[in-house]
Amino acid sequence: MRSKSTGVGASLLSYFSGNLRKIRRVLREFLYGMTVREMEVELKKDRGDIGNLFMLIVFGDLVGLPILPPYYAMRLLPYIVPSYRTWRRNILREKDITDILSGDV
């Protein structure tokens, strides 16, 4: 008889602790979304823009805009090859007014 009551008490305790963890996670995500999420998105956009600018300065001659002498660009080329295809697609993509104004809203 005693083992049944401890079993019920233990299962009830595990049920409440599981719900408490879920509530804590939901509150943490809610507060994160209210406070930090927008700043994180802006920082990621800025990081991408700076990366695109760096690639344009160093490897601009690959898209028709030579800025640095090819010697320095060729020394950096092995480090850039893995991300070259996505960078070129981002640079040469046509942008409309909604792309430009999306960050200002």
Foldseek 3Di string as FASTA:
>chain_A
DVVVVVVVVVVVVVVVVVVVVVVVVVVVVVVCVVPPPLVVVVVVVVVVVVVLVVCCQLVVVVVPDDHDPVVVSVVCVVVCVVPVVVSVCVVPDDDDPCVVCVNVD
